N, C-alpha and C. Protein backbone atom coordinates (compact mmCIF):
# COMPACT_ATOMS: atom_id res chain seq x y z
N UNK A 1 60.39 42.77 28.58
CA UNK A 1 59.96 42.20 27.34
C UNK A 1 60.91 41.04 26.92
N UNK A 2 60.29 40.20 26.19
CA UNK A 2 61.20 39.04 25.69
C UNK A 2 61.97 39.45 24.35
N UNK A 3 62.96 38.79 24.09
CA UNK A 3 63.74 39.15 22.89
C UNK A 3 62.97 39.10 21.54
N UNK A 4 61.94 38.17 21.52
CA UNK A 4 61.01 38.12 20.29
C UNK A 4 60.09 39.14 20.21
N UNK A 5 59.55 39.63 21.42
CA UNK A 5 58.49 40.81 21.38
C UNK A 5 59.45 41.93 21.00
N UNK A 6 60.71 42.13 21.49
CA UNK A 6 61.52 43.18 21.09
C UNK A 6 61.79 43.24 19.68
N UNK A 7 62.22 42.21 19.02
CA UNK A 7 62.35 42.02 17.70
C UNK A 7 61.21 42.43 16.87
N UNK A 8 60.00 41.96 17.22
CA UNK A 8 58.80 42.07 16.49
C UNK A 8 58.47 43.66 16.53
N UNK A 9 58.69 44.31 17.65
CA UNK A 9 58.35 45.68 17.91
C UNK A 9 59.47 46.60 16.88
N UNK A 10 60.79 46.01 16.95
CA UNK A 10 61.78 46.82 16.08
C UNK A 10 61.40 46.60 14.52
N UNK A 11 60.98 45.40 14.16
CA UNK A 11 60.54 45.35 12.71
C UNK A 11 59.47 46.14 12.37
N UNK A 12 58.43 46.20 13.30
CA UNK A 12 57.23 46.91 13.07
C UNK A 12 57.66 48.36 12.87
N UNK A 13 58.47 49.02 13.73
CA UNK A 13 58.77 50.33 13.81
C UNK A 13 59.47 50.54 12.50
N UNK A 14 60.42 49.69 11.99
CA UNK A 14 61.10 49.87 10.66
C UNK A 14 60.14 49.85 9.52
N UNK A 15 59.16 49.05 9.47
CA UNK A 15 58.29 48.86 8.34
C UNK A 15 57.01 50.04 8.38
N UNK A 16 56.84 50.57 9.47
CA UNK A 16 55.95 51.52 9.57
C UNK A 16 56.01 52.66 8.62
N UNK A 17 57.19 53.43 8.75
CA UNK A 17 57.16 54.77 7.86
C UNK A 17 56.98 54.35 6.27
N UNK A 18 57.63 53.33 5.73
CA UNK A 18 57.26 53.06 4.28
C UNK A 18 56.01 52.70 4.07
N UNK A 19 55.42 51.87 4.94
CA UNK A 19 54.05 51.43 4.78
C UNK A 19 53.02 52.66 4.76
N UNK A 20 53.29 53.52 5.66
CA UNK A 20 52.31 54.71 5.77
C UNK A 20 52.66 55.46 4.50
N UNK A 21 53.79 55.83 4.10
CA UNK A 21 54.17 56.61 2.88
C UNK A 21 53.45 55.94 1.75
N UNK A 22 53.66 54.64 1.54
CA UNK A 22 52.94 54.01 0.35
C UNK A 22 51.54 53.98 0.29
N UNK A 23 50.97 53.78 1.58
CA UNK A 23 49.52 53.92 1.85
C UNK A 23 49.04 55.25 1.34
N UNK A 24 49.57 56.26 1.73
CA UNK A 24 49.17 57.62 1.22
C UNK A 24 49.30 57.74 -0.30
N UNK A 25 50.62 57.40 -0.77
CA UNK A 25 50.84 57.73 -2.22
C UNK A 25 50.05 56.69 -3.10
N UNK A 26 49.77 55.45 -2.63
CA UNK A 26 48.88 54.71 -3.46
C UNK A 26 47.46 55.17 -3.50
N UNK A 27 46.89 55.71 -2.44
CA UNK A 27 45.72 56.36 -2.42
C UNK A 27 45.61 57.59 -3.51
N UNK A 28 46.71 58.26 -3.51
CA UNK A 28 46.83 59.39 -4.43
C UNK A 28 46.74 58.79 -5.88
N UNK A 29 47.41 57.74 -6.17
CA UNK A 29 47.54 57.07 -7.44
C UNK A 29 46.03 56.54 -7.79
N UNK A 30 45.50 56.03 -6.80
CA UNK A 30 44.14 55.37 -7.09
C UNK A 30 43.18 56.44 -7.26
N UNK A 31 43.19 57.56 -6.61
CA UNK A 31 42.28 58.74 -6.85
C UNK A 31 42.62 59.46 -8.34
N UNK A 32 43.89 59.60 -8.76
CA UNK A 32 44.19 59.98 -9.99
C UNK A 32 43.70 59.04 -11.06
N UNK A 33 44.01 57.70 -10.90
CA UNK A 33 43.38 56.81 -11.85
C UNK A 33 41.91 56.79 -12.00
N UNK A 34 41.18 56.96 -10.93
CA UNK A 34 39.73 57.17 -10.78
C UNK A 34 39.45 58.51 -11.72
N UNK A 35 40.12 59.46 -11.39
CA UNK A 35 39.62 60.77 -12.10
C UNK A 35 40.05 60.59 -13.61
N UNK A 36 40.97 59.80 -13.94
CA UNK A 36 41.19 59.64 -15.34
C UNK A 36 40.10 58.83 -16.07
N UNK A 37 39.43 58.00 -15.42
CA UNK A 37 38.51 57.29 -16.12
C UNK A 37 37.05 57.62 -15.68
N UNK A 38 37.19 58.79 -15.08
CA UNK A 38 35.80 59.45 -14.67
C UNK A 38 34.93 58.65 -13.98
N UNK A 39 35.23 57.77 -12.97
CA UNK A 39 34.51 56.99 -12.19
C UNK A 39 34.08 57.91 -11.02
N UNK A 40 33.27 57.38 -10.30
CA UNK A 40 32.61 58.20 -9.14
C UNK A 40 33.37 58.41 -7.99
N UNK A 41 34.35 57.54 -7.66
CA UNK A 41 35.15 57.66 -6.39
C UNK A 41 35.97 56.43 -6.09
N UNK A 42 36.59 56.47 -4.97
CA UNK A 42 37.43 55.45 -4.48
C UNK A 42 36.46 54.55 -3.55
N UNK A 43 36.31 53.39 -3.95
CA UNK A 43 35.52 52.37 -3.29
C UNK A 43 36.29 51.59 -2.20
N UNK A 44 35.60 51.14 -1.11
CA UNK A 44 36.23 50.38 0.05
C UNK A 44 37.15 49.37 -0.46
N UNK A 45 36.85 48.70 -1.50
CA UNK A 45 37.71 47.65 -2.01
C UNK A 45 38.94 48.20 -2.43
N UNK A 46 38.98 49.47 -3.04
CA UNK A 46 40.15 50.00 -3.45
C UNK A 46 40.93 50.41 -2.18
N UNK A 47 40.39 50.95 -1.11
CA UNK A 47 41.23 51.12 0.15
C UNK A 47 41.86 49.92 0.55
N UNK A 48 41.06 48.70 0.67
CA UNK A 48 41.55 47.64 1.20
C UNK A 48 42.76 47.02 0.17
N UNK A 49 42.55 47.28 -1.13
CA UNK A 49 43.63 46.84 -1.99
C UNK A 49 44.91 47.69 -1.89
N UNK A 50 44.64 49.01 -1.65
CA UNK A 50 45.83 49.93 -1.35
C UNK A 50 46.64 49.50 -0.01
N UNK A 51 45.70 49.25 1.01
CA UNK A 51 46.47 48.77 2.13
C UNK A 51 47.21 47.62 2.29
N UNK A 52 46.69 46.57 1.41
CA UNK A 52 47.53 45.33 1.17
C UNK A 52 48.78 45.80 0.28
N UNK A 53 48.60 46.41 -0.67
CA UNK A 53 49.78 46.84 -1.59
C UNK A 53 50.86 47.68 -0.67
N UNK A 54 50.38 48.58 0.20
CA UNK A 54 51.24 49.33 0.93
C UNK A 54 52.03 48.41 1.98
N UNK A 55 51.35 47.47 2.45
CA UNK A 55 51.98 46.54 3.45
C UNK A 55 52.95 45.63 2.71
N UNK A 56 52.77 45.36 1.53
CA UNK A 56 53.71 44.54 0.68
C UNK A 56 54.81 45.53 0.25
N UNK A 57 54.55 46.69 -0.09
CA UNK A 57 55.68 47.57 -0.51
C UNK A 57 56.61 48.08 0.73
N UNK A 58 55.81 48.16 1.84
CA UNK A 58 56.54 48.41 3.04
C UNK A 58 57.57 47.38 3.41
N UNK A 59 56.88 46.26 3.48
CA UNK A 59 57.86 45.05 3.86
C UNK A 59 58.95 44.86 2.70
N UNK A 60 58.64 45.12 1.47
CA UNK A 60 59.61 44.94 0.38
C UNK A 60 60.79 45.91 0.60
N UNK A 61 60.44 47.19 1.03
CA UNK A 61 61.41 48.21 1.15
C UNK A 61 62.24 47.75 2.41
N UNK A 62 61.70 47.23 3.48
CA UNK A 62 62.49 46.66 4.61
C UNK A 62 63.45 45.57 4.22
N UNK A 63 62.93 44.60 3.46
CA UNK A 63 63.77 43.49 2.92
C UNK A 63 64.82 44.08 1.93
N UNK A 64 64.40 44.92 1.04
CA UNK A 64 65.52 45.46 0.19
C UNK A 64 66.52 46.25 0.76
N UNK A 65 66.19 46.93 1.78
CA UNK A 65 67.28 47.73 2.53
C UNK A 65 68.28 46.77 3.21
N UNK A 66 67.83 45.46 3.47
CA UNK A 66 68.70 44.54 4.11
C UNK A 66 69.70 43.78 3.06
N UNK A 67 69.34 44.11 1.76
CA UNK A 67 70.28 43.34 0.61
C UNK A 67 71.41 44.13 0.51
N UNK A 68 72.55 43.48 0.34
CA UNK A 68 73.80 44.15 0.21
C UNK A 68 74.11 45.20 -0.93
N UNK A 69 73.31 44.97 -1.92
CA UNK A 69 73.59 45.74 -3.18
C UNK A 69 72.59 46.95 -3.18
N UNK A 70 71.73 47.13 -2.23
CA UNK A 70 70.67 48.11 -2.20
C UNK A 70 71.49 49.54 -1.97
N UNK A 71 72.47 49.45 -1.01
CA UNK A 71 73.14 50.54 -0.45
C UNK A 71 74.52 50.50 -1.28
N UNK A 72 74.41 50.62 -2.59
CA UNK A 72 75.63 50.47 -3.50
C UNK A 72 76.64 51.65 -3.34
N UNK A 73 76.10 52.91 -3.02
CA UNK A 73 77.09 53.91 -3.11
C UNK A 73 77.16 54.68 -1.79
N UNK A 74 77.57 54.12 -0.68
CA UNK A 74 77.44 54.76 0.62
C UNK A 74 78.40 55.95 0.75
N UNK A 75 79.59 55.77 -0.06
CA UNK A 75 80.62 56.81 0.04
C UNK A 75 80.49 57.96 -1.05
N UNK A 76 79.41 57.88 -1.89
CA UNK A 76 79.35 58.83 -2.86
C UNK A 76 78.13 59.89 -2.42
N UNK A 77 77.95 60.96 -3.14
CA UNK A 77 77.06 61.92 -2.79
C UNK A 77 75.52 61.11 -2.79
N UNK A 78 74.69 61.71 -1.94
CA UNK A 78 73.22 60.91 -1.79
C UNK A 78 72.56 60.67 -3.10
N UNK A 79 72.82 61.53 -3.97
CA UNK A 79 71.95 61.40 -5.36
C UNK A 79 72.31 59.96 -5.95
N UNK A 80 73.45 59.32 -5.52
CA UNK A 80 73.74 57.99 -6.17
C UNK A 80 72.92 57.10 -5.64
N UNK A 81 72.79 57.01 -4.34
CA UNK A 81 71.91 56.08 -3.56
C UNK A 81 70.34 56.27 -3.95
N UNK A 82 70.03 57.59 -3.94
CA UNK A 82 68.58 58.00 -4.22
C UNK A 82 68.27 57.38 -5.60
N UNK A 83 69.11 57.72 -6.49
CA UNK A 83 68.77 57.22 -7.90
C UNK A 83 68.66 55.71 -8.06
N UNK A 84 69.74 55.07 -7.30
CA UNK A 84 69.72 53.59 -7.48
C UNK A 84 68.45 52.97 -6.76
N UNK A 85 68.17 53.57 -5.52
CA UNK A 85 66.99 53.14 -4.92
C UNK A 85 65.63 53.42 -5.53
N UNK A 86 65.69 54.50 -6.13
CA UNK A 86 64.46 54.87 -6.96
C UNK A 86 64.25 53.92 -8.07
N UNK A 87 65.22 53.53 -8.86
CA UNK A 87 65.20 52.55 -9.85
C UNK A 87 64.76 51.32 -9.30
N UNK A 88 65.33 50.76 -8.36
CA UNK A 88 65.08 49.41 -7.71
C UNK A 88 63.68 49.39 -7.26
N UNK A 89 63.18 50.38 -6.56
CA UNK A 89 61.81 50.41 -5.97
C UNK A 89 60.78 50.58 -7.19
N UNK A 90 61.19 51.33 -8.07
CA UNK A 90 60.16 51.63 -9.18
C UNK A 90 60.03 50.37 -10.13
N UNK A 91 61.08 49.58 -10.32
CA UNK A 91 61.00 48.42 -10.94
C UNK A 91 59.90 47.48 -10.30
N UNK A 92 60.14 47.47 -8.78
CA UNK A 92 59.10 46.56 -8.18
C UNK A 92 57.64 47.10 -8.30
N UNK A 93 57.56 48.48 -8.34
CA UNK A 93 56.19 49.11 -8.35
C UNK A 93 55.66 48.76 -9.80
N UNK A 94 56.51 48.73 -10.86
CA UNK A 94 56.14 48.49 -12.24
C UNK A 94 55.82 47.09 -12.24
N UNK A 95 56.36 46.29 -11.70
CA UNK A 95 55.91 44.70 -11.67
C UNK A 95 54.59 44.58 -10.91
N UNK A 96 54.40 45.27 -9.63
CA UNK A 96 53.25 45.06 -8.93
C UNK A 96 52.00 45.67 -9.81
N UNK A 97 52.29 46.82 -10.36
CA UNK A 97 51.30 47.67 -11.18
C UNK A 97 50.70 46.62 -12.30
N UNK A 98 51.80 46.11 -12.96
CA UNK A 98 51.41 45.26 -14.14
C UNK A 98 50.67 44.03 -13.64
N UNK A 99 51.01 43.38 -12.57
CA UNK A 99 50.37 42.17 -11.97
C UNK A 99 49.01 42.57 -11.61
N UNK A 100 48.89 43.70 -10.96
CA UNK A 100 47.46 44.19 -10.55
C UNK A 100 46.48 44.49 -11.77
N UNK A 101 46.96 44.96 -12.89
CA UNK A 101 46.17 44.93 -14.11
C UNK A 101 45.91 43.63 -14.60
N UNK A 102 46.98 42.70 -14.68
CA UNK A 102 46.89 41.33 -15.10
C UNK A 102 45.70 40.66 -14.13
N UNK A 103 45.79 40.88 -12.95
CA UNK A 103 44.71 40.16 -12.14
C UNK A 103 43.45 40.53 -12.47
N UNK A 104 43.14 41.77 -12.95
CA UNK A 104 41.83 42.30 -13.36
C UNK A 104 41.42 41.54 -14.63
N UNK A 105 42.26 41.23 -15.52
CA UNK A 105 41.88 40.49 -16.71
C UNK A 105 41.88 39.11 -16.37
N UNK A 106 42.69 38.42 -15.56
CA UNK A 106 42.59 37.01 -15.28
C UNK A 106 41.19 36.72 -14.54
N UNK A 107 40.62 37.64 -13.71
CA UNK A 107 39.48 37.28 -13.12
C UNK A 107 38.36 37.12 -14.32
N UNK A 108 38.50 37.76 -15.36
CA UNK A 108 37.55 37.55 -16.54
C UNK A 108 37.82 36.24 -17.30
N UNK A 109 39.14 36.00 -17.58
CA UNK A 109 39.55 34.88 -18.42
C UNK A 109 39.74 33.71 -17.70
N UNK A 110 40.17 33.61 -16.52
CA UNK A 110 40.64 32.42 -15.64
C UNK A 110 41.69 31.66 -16.40
N UNK A 111 42.44 32.33 -17.19
CA UNK A 111 43.69 31.71 -17.83
C UNK A 111 44.77 32.68 -17.87
N UNK A 112 45.94 32.44 -17.28
CA UNK A 112 46.93 33.33 -17.31
C UNK A 112 47.39 33.90 -18.64
N UNK A 113 47.66 33.09 -19.62
CA UNK A 113 48.15 33.53 -20.87
C UNK A 113 47.03 34.31 -21.63
N UNK A 114 45.78 34.05 -21.63
CA UNK A 114 44.79 34.75 -22.16
C UNK A 114 44.60 36.09 -21.38
N UNK A 115 44.79 36.08 -20.20
CA UNK A 115 44.59 37.32 -19.42
C UNK A 115 45.86 38.24 -19.87
N UNK A 116 46.99 37.60 -19.83
CA UNK A 116 48.18 38.51 -20.38
C UNK A 116 48.07 39.04 -21.72
N UNK A 117 47.34 38.29 -22.73
CA UNK A 117 47.09 38.70 -23.96
C UNK A 117 46.01 39.91 -23.98
N UNK A 118 45.03 39.74 -23.17
CA UNK A 118 43.89 40.81 -23.15
C UNK A 118 44.52 41.98 -22.65
N UNK A 119 45.50 41.81 -21.55
CA UNK A 119 45.99 43.04 -20.98
C UNK A 119 46.82 43.80 -21.87
N UNK A 120 47.65 43.15 -22.58
CA UNK A 120 48.54 43.71 -23.80
C UNK A 120 47.65 44.42 -24.74
N UNK A 121 46.54 43.89 -25.08
CA UNK A 121 45.79 44.40 -26.21
C UNK A 121 44.86 45.51 -25.71
N UNK A 122 44.36 45.46 -24.53
CA UNK A 122 43.34 46.24 -24.07
C UNK A 122 43.54 47.51 -23.01
N UNK A 123 44.87 47.37 -22.57
CA UNK A 123 45.24 48.27 -21.48
C UNK A 123 45.34 49.58 -22.08
N UNK A 124 45.05 50.80 -21.37
CA UNK A 124 45.48 52.08 -21.92
C UNK A 124 46.75 52.43 -21.45
N UNK A 125 47.72 52.17 -22.52
CA UNK A 125 49.10 52.36 -22.18
C UNK A 125 49.48 53.78 -21.73
N UNK A 126 48.81 54.81 -22.31
CA UNK A 126 49.12 56.32 -21.88
C UNK A 126 48.82 56.27 -20.32
N UNK A 127 47.68 55.87 -19.85
CA UNK A 127 47.27 55.81 -18.53
C UNK A 127 48.08 55.02 -17.66
N UNK A 128 48.45 53.79 -18.13
CA UNK A 128 49.55 52.92 -17.44
C UNK A 128 50.84 53.54 -17.07
N UNK A 129 51.38 54.31 -18.23
CA UNK A 129 52.65 54.90 -18.16
C UNK A 129 52.53 56.42 -17.22
N UNK A 130 51.38 56.76 -17.31
CA UNK A 130 51.15 58.09 -16.50
C UNK A 130 51.21 57.63 -15.02
N UNK A 131 50.52 56.73 -14.67
CA UNK A 131 50.69 56.11 -13.29
C UNK A 131 52.13 55.72 -12.89
N UNK A 132 52.94 55.11 -13.76
CA UNK A 132 54.14 54.82 -13.46
C UNK A 132 54.90 55.94 -13.44
N UNK A 133 54.82 56.97 -14.00
CA UNK A 133 55.56 58.19 -13.91
C UNK A 133 55.28 58.91 -12.63
N UNK A 134 53.92 58.80 -12.25
CA UNK A 134 53.56 59.39 -10.79
C UNK A 134 54.22 58.66 -9.72
N UNK A 135 54.23 57.28 -9.88
CA UNK A 135 54.86 56.37 -8.90
C UNK A 135 56.49 56.62 -8.70
N UNK A 136 57.01 56.87 -9.97
CA UNK A 136 58.51 57.14 -10.08
C UNK A 136 58.65 58.41 -9.29
N UNK A 137 57.89 59.44 -9.47
CA UNK A 137 58.12 60.77 -8.83
C UNK A 137 57.91 60.52 -7.29
N UNK A 138 56.96 59.83 -6.74
CA UNK A 138 56.67 59.74 -5.50
C UNK A 138 57.67 58.77 -4.78
N UNK A 139 58.05 57.86 -5.44
CA UNK A 139 59.26 56.87 -4.88
C UNK A 139 60.44 57.58 -4.67
N UNK A 140 60.83 58.66 -5.71
CA UNK A 140 61.89 59.36 -5.71
C UNK A 140 61.96 60.07 -4.48
N UNK A 141 60.71 60.82 -4.13
CA UNK A 141 60.61 61.67 -3.06
C UNK A 141 60.81 60.71 -1.72
N UNK A 142 60.26 59.56 -1.58
CA UNK A 142 60.55 58.73 -0.52
C UNK A 142 62.05 58.40 -0.38
N UNK A 143 62.71 57.95 -1.48
CA UNK A 143 63.96 57.85 -1.42
C UNK A 143 65.00 58.96 -0.89
N UNK A 144 64.77 60.21 -1.32
CA UNK A 144 65.14 61.33 -0.97
C UNK A 144 65.13 61.43 0.55
N UNK A 145 63.88 61.45 1.17
CA UNK A 145 63.75 61.58 2.51
C UNK A 145 64.43 60.38 3.24
N UNK A 146 64.34 59.27 2.78
CA UNK A 146 65.04 58.09 3.52
C UNK A 146 66.44 58.22 3.70
N UNK A 147 67.08 58.72 2.43
CA UNK A 147 68.46 58.91 2.44
C UNK A 147 68.95 60.09 3.34
N UNK A 148 68.14 61.07 3.36
CA UNK A 148 68.40 62.29 4.21
C UNK A 148 68.44 61.90 5.66
N UNK A 149 67.46 60.90 6.10
CA UNK A 149 67.33 60.46 7.38
C UNK A 149 68.53 59.49 7.70
N UNK A 150 68.98 58.70 6.76
CA UNK A 150 70.08 57.92 6.95
C UNK A 150 71.41 58.70 7.22
N UNK A 151 71.53 59.75 6.36
CA UNK A 151 72.82 60.47 6.43
C UNK A 151 72.86 61.61 7.62
N UNK A 152 71.54 62.19 7.78
CA UNK A 152 71.59 63.13 9.04
C UNK A 152 71.25 62.45 10.39
N UNK A 153 70.54 61.53 10.44
CA UNK A 153 70.00 60.78 11.48
C UNK A 153 68.41 61.16 11.55
N UNK A 154 67.73 60.20 11.98
CA UNK A 154 66.23 60.50 11.89
C UNK A 154 65.88 61.71 12.86
N UNK A 155 66.51 61.63 14.14
CA UNK A 155 66.13 62.76 15.11
C UNK A 155 66.50 63.99 14.62
N UNK A 156 67.63 64.10 13.92
CA UNK A 156 68.06 65.48 13.55
C UNK A 156 67.16 66.01 12.29
N UNK A 157 66.89 64.92 11.47
CA UNK A 157 66.04 65.31 10.26
C UNK A 157 64.57 65.89 10.93
N UNK A 158 64.19 65.13 11.79
CA UNK A 158 62.86 65.49 12.32
C UNK A 158 62.87 66.89 12.93
N UNK A 159 63.98 67.11 13.76
CA UNK A 159 64.25 68.51 14.35
C UNK A 159 64.33 69.50 13.32
N UNK A 160 64.87 69.27 12.22
CA UNK A 160 65.14 70.24 11.20
C UNK A 160 63.81 70.47 10.44
N UNK A 161 63.14 69.44 10.14
CA UNK A 161 61.86 69.55 9.57
C UNK A 161 60.73 70.30 10.42
N UNK A 162 60.40 69.76 11.62
CA UNK A 162 59.30 70.24 12.60
C UNK A 162 59.91 71.22 13.61
N UNK A 163 61.18 71.57 13.69
CA UNK A 163 61.82 72.33 14.63
C UNK A 163 61.94 71.70 16.04
N UNK A 164 62.65 72.34 16.98
CA UNK A 164 62.86 71.82 18.33
C UNK A 164 61.55 71.70 19.11
N UNK A 165 61.62 70.86 19.98
CA UNK A 165 60.49 70.46 20.67
C UNK A 165 60.19 71.59 21.70
N UNK A 166 59.04 72.08 22.17
CA UNK A 166 58.89 73.00 23.17
C UNK A 166 59.47 72.58 24.50
N UNK A 167 59.82 73.59 25.17
CA UNK A 167 60.54 73.14 26.46
C UNK A 167 59.62 72.28 27.37
N UNK A 168 58.36 72.53 27.50
CA UNK A 168 57.42 71.89 28.32
C UNK A 168 57.40 70.33 27.93
N UNK A 169 57.58 70.10 26.66
CA UNK A 169 57.46 68.81 26.22
C UNK A 169 58.82 68.01 26.49
N UNK A 170 59.83 68.71 26.40
CA UNK A 170 61.17 68.12 26.75
C UNK A 170 61.26 67.48 28.17
N UNK A 171 60.53 68.28 29.19
CA UNK A 171 60.58 67.77 30.50
C UNK A 171 59.85 66.50 30.72
N UNK A 172 58.58 66.49 30.12
CA UNK A 172 57.63 65.24 30.32
C UNK A 172 58.14 63.92 29.62
């Protein structure tokens, strides 16, 4: 394989776990939001929107992990990095969630300032913050798992979680 193909494969394998994680949790958030407003269900456009958002968040996590300040506390207990990364990723999720709501109002007004005003006056803030709290909790879980994988090694964590592979599988 060429070095470009190897690099693409490496980047793809790095972005896959957070993307899958965010794809699942964003569907959970969409389902809860749907249940909160008593709609009939998740539409295909919601799934497409969740897929795009999870790809963006997955790539954002990959890029954020390359930044020097994201791993601020490598020599301290894991809770320091978990808390820091949870804060950083939650701030990104807050901005994305706000922009998502803003886009809904912009489609109606076709003016950024008017859409922002409509959002600030008409959004259900308890529901908005409920979704943010849910995202915070789920992002915290992601950060705990990612930091454990970093500290223990992905292979060791996988073995600890799923158990050792059966002997027949080891030979093949």
